[in-house]
Amino acid sequence: MNNSSLDPRGVIADAYKIEGISAPECRSIFLDWALEPRDASDLRQAASTLAAQYAEFPAHPMTSILNEATVELSSAPKRRGGRRG
């Protein structure tokens, strides 16, 4: 698994190399990756592309987190304007 433009620091790829990594550890790595500057729609697409790239590892916790992020990001409620007073 090579680093790609979607994972320039290779943190997602490295998570797949860590034997016995847990879901909480993967969530922390994912959060670190997700906080890299990019547009929100780019984040959704990047998570989706990475999930497809690593689909051959369905039992890995990072695969589940990438899939969850794709679903959650696409269905996240949008804030509506206006002030409550």
N, C-alpha and C. Protein backbone atom coordinates (compact mmCIF):
# COMPACT_ATOMS: atom_id res chain seq x y z
N MET A 1 0.84 -1.18 0.00
CA MET A 1 0.00 0.00 0.00
C MET A 1 0.88 1.24 0.00
N ASN A 2 0.71 2.04 -1.01
CA ASN A 2 1.53 3.24 -1.15
C ASN A 2 0.78 4.46 -0.67
N ASN A 3 1.56 5.47 -0.30
CA ASN A 3 0.95 6.76 0.03
C ASN A 3 0.37 7.34 -1.25
N SER A 4 -0.71 8.06 -1.11
CA SER A 4 -1.33 8.68 -2.27
C SER A 4 -1.55 10.15 -1.97
N SER A 5 -2.07 10.85 -2.94
CA SER A 5 -2.37 12.26 -2.71
C SER A 5 -3.48 12.43 -1.68
N LEU A 6 -4.28 11.39 -1.46
CA LEU A 6 -5.34 11.45 -0.46
C LEU A 6 -4.83 11.21 0.95
N ASP A 7 -3.67 10.62 1.05
CA ASP A 7 -3.06 10.29 2.34
C ASP A 7 -1.58 10.65 2.27
N PRO A 8 -1.28 11.95 2.10
CA PRO A 8 0.10 12.35 1.84
C PRO A 8 1.09 12.00 2.94
N ARG A 9 0.65 11.98 4.18
CA ARG A 9 1.55 11.62 5.28
C ARG A 9 1.55 10.12 5.53
N GLY A 10 0.66 9.41 4.88
CA GLY A 10 0.61 7.96 5.00
C GLY A 10 0.04 7.44 6.30
N VAL A 11 -0.72 8.28 7.01
CA VAL A 11 -1.25 7.84 8.31
C VAL A 11 -2.31 6.75 8.17
N ILE A 12 -3.13 6.83 7.15
CA ILE A 12 -4.15 5.80 6.92
C ILE A 12 -3.45 4.50 6.52
N ALA A 13 -2.51 4.59 5.60
CA ALA A 13 -1.77 3.41 5.16
C ALA A 13 -1.04 2.76 6.34
N ASP A 14 -0.45 3.57 7.19
CA ASP A 14 0.26 3.03 8.35
C ASP A 14 -0.67 2.30 9.30
N ALA A 15 -1.90 2.78 9.44
CA ALA A 15 -2.86 2.12 10.32
C ALA A 15 -3.10 0.68 9.87
N TYR A 16 -3.10 0.46 8.57
CA TYR A 16 -3.33 -0.89 8.05
C TYR A 16 -2.12 -1.80 8.29
N LYS A 17 -0.97 -1.22 8.57
CA LYS A 17 0.24 -2.01 8.80
C LYS A 17 0.41 -2.40 10.27
N ILE A 18 -0.36 -1.79 11.16
CA ILE A 18 -0.22 -2.05 12.59
C ILE A 18 -1.07 -3.26 12.97
N GLU A 19 -0.39 -4.33 13.31
CA GLU A 19 -1.09 -5.56 13.68
C GLU A 19 -1.81 -5.37 15.02
N GLY A 20 -3.07 -5.76 15.07
CA GLY A 20 -3.84 -5.69 16.31
C GLY A 20 -4.32 -4.30 16.68
N ILE A 21 -4.30 -3.37 15.76
CA ILE A 21 -4.77 -2.01 16.05
C ILE A 21 -6.26 -2.04 16.39
N SER A 22 -6.65 -1.19 17.32
CA SER A 22 -8.05 -1.17 17.76
C SER A 22 -8.84 -0.07 17.06
N ALA A 23 -10.15 -0.17 17.16
CA ALA A 23 -11.02 0.86 16.57
C ALA A 23 -10.76 2.24 17.17
N PRO A 24 -10.62 2.38 18.49
CA PRO A 24 -10.32 3.71 19.04
C PRO A 24 -9.00 4.29 18.51
N GLU A 25 -8.01 3.45 18.34
CA GLU A 25 -6.75 3.93 17.77
C GLU A 25 -6.94 4.37 16.33
N CYS A 26 -7.73 3.62 15.57
CA CYS A 26 -8.01 3.99 14.18
C CYS A 26 -8.80 5.29 14.12
N ARG A 27 -9.74 5.48 15.04
CA ARG A 27 -10.51 6.74 15.07
C ARG A 27 -9.59 7.93 15.32
N SER A 28 -8.62 7.76 16.19
CA SER A 28 -7.66 8.83 16.47
C SER A 28 -6.83 9.15 15.23
N ILE A 29 -6.38 8.12 14.54
CA ILE A 29 -5.60 8.31 13.31
C ILE A 29 -6.47 8.96 12.25
N PHE A 30 -7.73 8.50 12.13
CA PHE A 30 -8.64 9.09 11.15
C PHE A 30 -8.86 10.57 11.45
N LEU A 31 -9.06 10.91 12.70
CA LEU A 31 -9.27 12.30 13.08
C LEU A 31 -8.05 13.15 12.71
N ASP A 32 -6.87 12.64 12.98
CA ASP A 32 -5.64 13.34 12.60
C ASP A 32 -5.63 13.58 11.09
N TRP A 33 -5.97 12.56 10.33
CA TRP A 33 -6.01 12.67 8.87
C TRP A 33 -7.10 13.66 8.43
N ALA A 34 -8.27 13.58 9.03
CA ALA A 34 -9.41 14.42 8.64
C ALA A 34 -9.18 15.89 8.94
N LEU A 35 -8.33 16.19 9.91
CA LEU A 35 -8.08 17.59 10.27
C LEU A 35 -7.09 18.28 9.34
N GLU A 36 -6.53 17.54 8.39
CA GLU A 36 -5.68 18.17 7.38
C GLU A 36 -6.54 19.13 6.57
N PRO A 37 -6.00 20.29 6.24
CA PRO A 37 -6.82 21.28 5.50
C PRO A 37 -7.32 20.74 4.17
N ARG A 38 -8.64 20.78 4.00
CA ARG A 38 -9.27 20.43 2.72
C ARG A 38 -10.74 20.83 2.81
N ASP A 39 -11.39 20.90 1.70
CA ASP A 39 -12.82 21.22 1.63
C ASP A 39 -13.62 20.03 2.16
N ALA A 40 -14.75 20.30 2.78
CA ALA A 40 -15.59 19.24 3.36
C ALA A 40 -16.02 18.23 2.30
N SER A 41 -16.37 18.69 1.10
CA SER A 41 -16.77 17.75 0.05
C SER A 41 -15.57 16.92 -0.39
N ASP A 42 -14.38 17.52 -0.35
CA ASP A 42 -13.17 16.76 -0.67
C ASP A 42 -12.94 15.68 0.38
N LEU A 43 -13.23 15.98 1.64
CA LEU A 43 -13.06 15.02 2.71
C LEU A 43 -13.96 13.81 2.49
N ARG A 44 -15.21 14.06 2.15
CA ARG A 44 -16.15 12.97 1.88
C ARG A 44 -15.65 12.09 0.74
N GLN A 45 -15.23 12.73 -0.34
CA GLN A 45 -14.74 11.98 -1.50
C GLN A 45 -13.45 11.23 -1.16
N ALA A 46 -12.55 11.87 -0.42
CA ALA A 46 -11.30 11.22 -0.04
C ALA A 46 -11.56 10.00 0.83
N ALA A 47 -12.45 10.13 1.81
CA ALA A 47 -12.79 8.99 2.68
C ALA A 47 -13.41 7.86 1.86
N SER A 48 -14.27 8.22 0.93
CA SER A 48 -14.91 7.22 0.07
C SER A 48 -13.88 6.49 -0.80
N THR A 49 -12.96 7.25 -1.38
CA THR A 49 -11.93 6.67 -2.24
C THR A 49 -11.00 5.77 -1.44
N LEU A 50 -10.60 6.23 -0.25
CA LEU A 50 -9.75 5.40 0.59
C LEU A 50 -10.48 4.13 1.06
N ALA A 51 -11.76 4.25 1.37
CA ALA A 51 -12.54 3.07 1.77
C ALA A 51 -12.55 2.04 0.63
N ALA A 52 -12.71 2.51 -0.58
CA ALA A 52 -12.70 1.60 -1.74
C ALA A 52 -11.30 1.00 -1.94
N GLN A 53 -10.28 1.81 -1.72
CA GLN A 53 -8.91 1.36 -1.90
C GLN A 53 -8.56 0.23 -0.93
N TYR A 54 -9.09 0.32 0.29
CA TYR A 54 -8.77 -0.67 1.31
C TYR A 54 -9.91 -1.68 1.53
N ALA A 55 -10.83 -1.77 0.60
CA ALA A 55 -11.97 -2.68 0.73
C ALA A 55 -11.55 -4.14 0.84
N GLU A 56 -10.35 -4.45 0.42
CA GLU A 56 -9.87 -5.83 0.51
C GLU A 56 -9.59 -6.25 1.95
N PHE A 57 -9.69 -5.28 2.88
CA PHE A 57 -9.48 -5.56 4.31
C PHE A 57 -10.77 -5.25 5.08
N PRO A 58 -11.85 -5.98 4.81
CA PRO A 58 -13.15 -5.64 5.41
C PRO A 58 -13.19 -5.78 6.93
N ALA A 59 -12.34 -6.61 7.51
CA ALA A 59 -12.37 -6.81 8.96
C ALA A 59 -11.50 -5.80 9.72
N HIS A 60 -10.75 -4.98 9.00
CA HIS A 60 -9.87 -4.01 9.66
C HIS A 60 -10.72 -2.85 10.20
N PRO A 61 -10.45 -2.40 11.42
CA PRO A 61 -11.26 -1.31 11.99
C PRO A 61 -11.19 -0.01 11.20
N MET A 62 -10.09 0.25 10.53
CA MET A 62 -9.99 1.50 9.74
C MET A 62 -10.95 1.46 8.55
N THR A 63 -11.16 0.29 7.98
CA THR A 63 -12.11 0.17 6.87
C THR A 63 -13.50 0.56 7.33
N SER A 64 -13.90 0.09 8.50
CA SER A 64 -15.21 0.45 9.04
C SER A 64 -15.31 1.94 9.30
N ILE A 65 -14.26 2.53 9.83
CA ILE A 65 -14.28 3.96 10.13
C ILE A 65 -14.35 4.78 8.86
N LEU A 66 -13.60 4.39 7.84
CA LEU A 66 -13.68 5.11 6.56
C LEU A 66 -15.09 5.00 5.97
N ASN A 67 -15.68 3.82 6.04
CA ASN A 67 -17.05 3.65 5.53
C ASN A 67 -18.04 4.48 6.34
N GLU A 68 -17.90 4.49 7.65
CA GLU A 68 -18.79 5.29 8.50
C GLU A 68 -18.66 6.76 8.17
N ALA A 69 -17.44 7.21 7.98
CA ALA A 69 -17.21 8.63 7.69
C ALA A 69 -17.87 9.03 6.38
N THR A 70 -17.85 8.15 5.42
CA THR A 70 -18.47 8.44 4.13
C THR A 70 -19.97 8.62 4.30
N VAL A 71 -20.60 7.74 5.06
CA VAL A 71 -22.05 7.80 5.28
C VAL A 71 -22.40 9.01 6.15
N GLU A 72 -21.68 9.16 7.26
CA GLU A 72 -21.99 10.24 8.19
C GLU A 72 -21.76 11.62 7.57
N LEU A 73 -20.70 11.76 6.80
CA LEU A 73 -20.41 13.05 6.19
C LEU A 73 -21.45 13.40 5.13
N SER A 74 -21.94 12.41 4.41
CA SER A 74 -22.90 12.70 3.35
C SER A 74 -24.29 12.98 3.89
N SER A 75 -24.58 12.53 5.11
CA SER A 75 -25.92 12.74 5.65
C SER A 75 -25.94 13.71 6.82
N ALA A 76 -24.83 14.40 7.04
CA ALA A 76 -24.76 15.34 8.16
C ALA A 76 -25.74 16.49 7.94
N PRO A 77 -26.47 16.86 8.99
CA PRO A 77 -27.42 17.98 8.83
C PRO A 77 -26.67 19.29 8.63
N LYS A 78 -27.24 20.13 7.81
CA LYS A 78 -26.64 21.42 7.54
C LYS A 78 -27.26 22.45 8.49
N ARG A 79 -26.44 23.35 8.96
CA ARG A 79 -26.90 24.39 9.85
C ARG A 79 -27.68 25.42 9.04
N ARG A 80 -28.79 25.84 9.58
CA ARG A 80 -29.58 26.86 8.91
C ARG A 80 -29.33 28.18 9.62
N GLY A 81 -29.39 29.24 8.84
CA GLY A 81 -29.09 30.58 9.36
C GLY A 81 -30.12 31.09 10.35
N GLY A 82 -29.84 32.24 10.86
CA GLY A 82 -30.76 32.88 11.81
C GLY A 82 -30.24 32.78 13.23
N ARG A 83 -30.62 33.75 14.00
CA ARG A 83 -30.22 33.74 15.41
C ARG A 83 -31.43 33.49 16.26
N ARG A 84 -31.19 32.79 17.30
CA ARG A 84 -32.26 32.59 18.28
C ARG A 84 -32.06 33.66 19.34
N GLY A 85 -33.08 34.27 19.70
CA GLY A 85 -32.86 35.31 20.67
C GLY A 85 -33.85 35.34 21.67
